[in-house]
């Protein structure tokens, strides 16, 4: 069984993601699907999230969670 999820993301982030997906899974049909599934698996791994420390980071930096996520992902290039 599969499910379709539609999202809008930053253009620069999408281009970087597509480039990495193709590098990792090849320039063929299904590469994006595999990359998105891998990212979703990693994101939803079991375990307890430390939300208290995340709130502390956000308050100190005065940025939102989306901006924090973007800054972390952009450092992994």
Protein backbone atom coordinates (compact mmCIF):
# COMPACT_ATOMS: atom_id res chain seq x y z
CA UNK A 1 0.00 0.00 0.00
CA UNK A 2 1.28 3.48 -0.80
CA UNK A 3 0.22 7.00 0.06
CA UNK A 4 0.73 10.25 -1.81
CA UNK A 5 2.00 13.24 0.18
CA UNK A 6 2.23 16.65 -1.48
CA UNK A 7 4.32 19.41 0.08
CA UNK A 8 5.82 22.71 -0.95
CA UNK A 9 9.46 23.23 -0.01
CA UNK A 10 12.09 25.87 -0.55
CA UNK A 11 13.39 25.75 -4.13
CA UNK A 12 17.06 25.67 -3.10
CA UNK A 13 16.44 22.85 -0.63
CA UNK A 14 14.50 20.87 -3.25
CA UNK A 15 17.32 21.23 -5.79
CA UNK A 16 19.92 20.07 -3.25
CA UNK A 17 17.71 17.14 -2.28
CA UNK A 18 17.17 16.09 -5.91
CA UNK A 19 20.91 16.30 -6.59
CA UNK A 20 21.71 14.12 -3.55
CA UNK A 21 18.96 11.65 -4.43
CA UNK A 22 20.31 11.21 -7.94
CA UNK A 23 23.90 10.89 -6.70
CA UNK A 24 22.88 8.22 -4.20
CA UNK A 25 20.28 6.25 -6.16
CA UNK A 26 21.26 6.99 -9.75
CA UNK A 27 19.72 9.06 -12.48
CA UNK A 28 16.75 6.78 -13.00
CA UNK A 29 13.06 6.47 -12.25
CA UNK A 30 12.34 5.92 -8.57
CA UNK A 31 15.40 7.70 -7.18
CA UNK A 32 13.37 10.51 -5.60
CA UNK A 33 10.92 8.04 -4.07
CA UNK A 34 13.73 6.06 -2.46
CA UNK A 35 15.38 9.22 -1.12
CA UNK A 36 12.14 10.58 0.35
CA UNK A 37 11.33 7.23 1.96
CA UNK A 38 14.83 7.06 3.46
CA UNK A 39 14.51 10.60 4.83
CA UNK A 40 11.09 9.85 6.29
CA UNK A 41 12.37 6.64 7.92
CA UNK A 42 15.24 8.50 9.54
CA UNK A 43 12.98 11.35 10.67
CA UNK A 44 10.41 9.01 12.20
CA UNK A 45 12.81 6.62 13.92
CA UNK A 46 11.57 5.37 17.27
CA UNK A 47 12.94 7.02 20.34
CA UNK A 48 12.14 9.84 22.62
CA UNK A 49 12.71 13.36 21.34
CA UNK A 50 14.17 15.88 23.78
CA UNK A 51 11.67 18.68 23.13
CA UNK A 52 12.71 20.66 26.22
CA UNK A 53 16.24 21.19 24.93
CA UNK A 54 14.91 22.08 21.50
CA UNK A 55 12.65 24.75 23.01
CA UNK A 56 15.67 26.13 24.86
CA UNK A 57 17.66 26.36 21.64
CA UNK A 58 14.79 28.06 19.84
CA UNK A 59 14.26 30.59 22.62
CA UNK A 60 17.97 31.47 22.80
CA UNK A 61 18.29 31.89 19.04
CA UNK A 62 14.86 33.51 18.62
CA UNK A 63 14.13 31.50 15.52
CA UNK A 64 11.35 29.10 14.67
CA UNK A 65 11.62 25.35 14.37
CA UNK A 66 11.45 25.50 10.57
CA UNK A 67 14.34 27.96 10.40
CA UNK A 68 16.36 25.79 12.80
CA UNK A 69 15.71 22.69 10.68
CA UNK A 70 16.72 24.52 7.52
CA UNK A 71 19.96 25.75 9.09
CA UNK A 72 20.85 22.24 10.25
CA UNK A 73 20.11 20.69 6.85
CA UNK A 74 22.03 23.36 4.98
CA UNK A 75 25.14 22.64 7.10
CA UNK A 76 25.09 18.99 5.97
CA UNK A 77 25.99 19.82 2.35
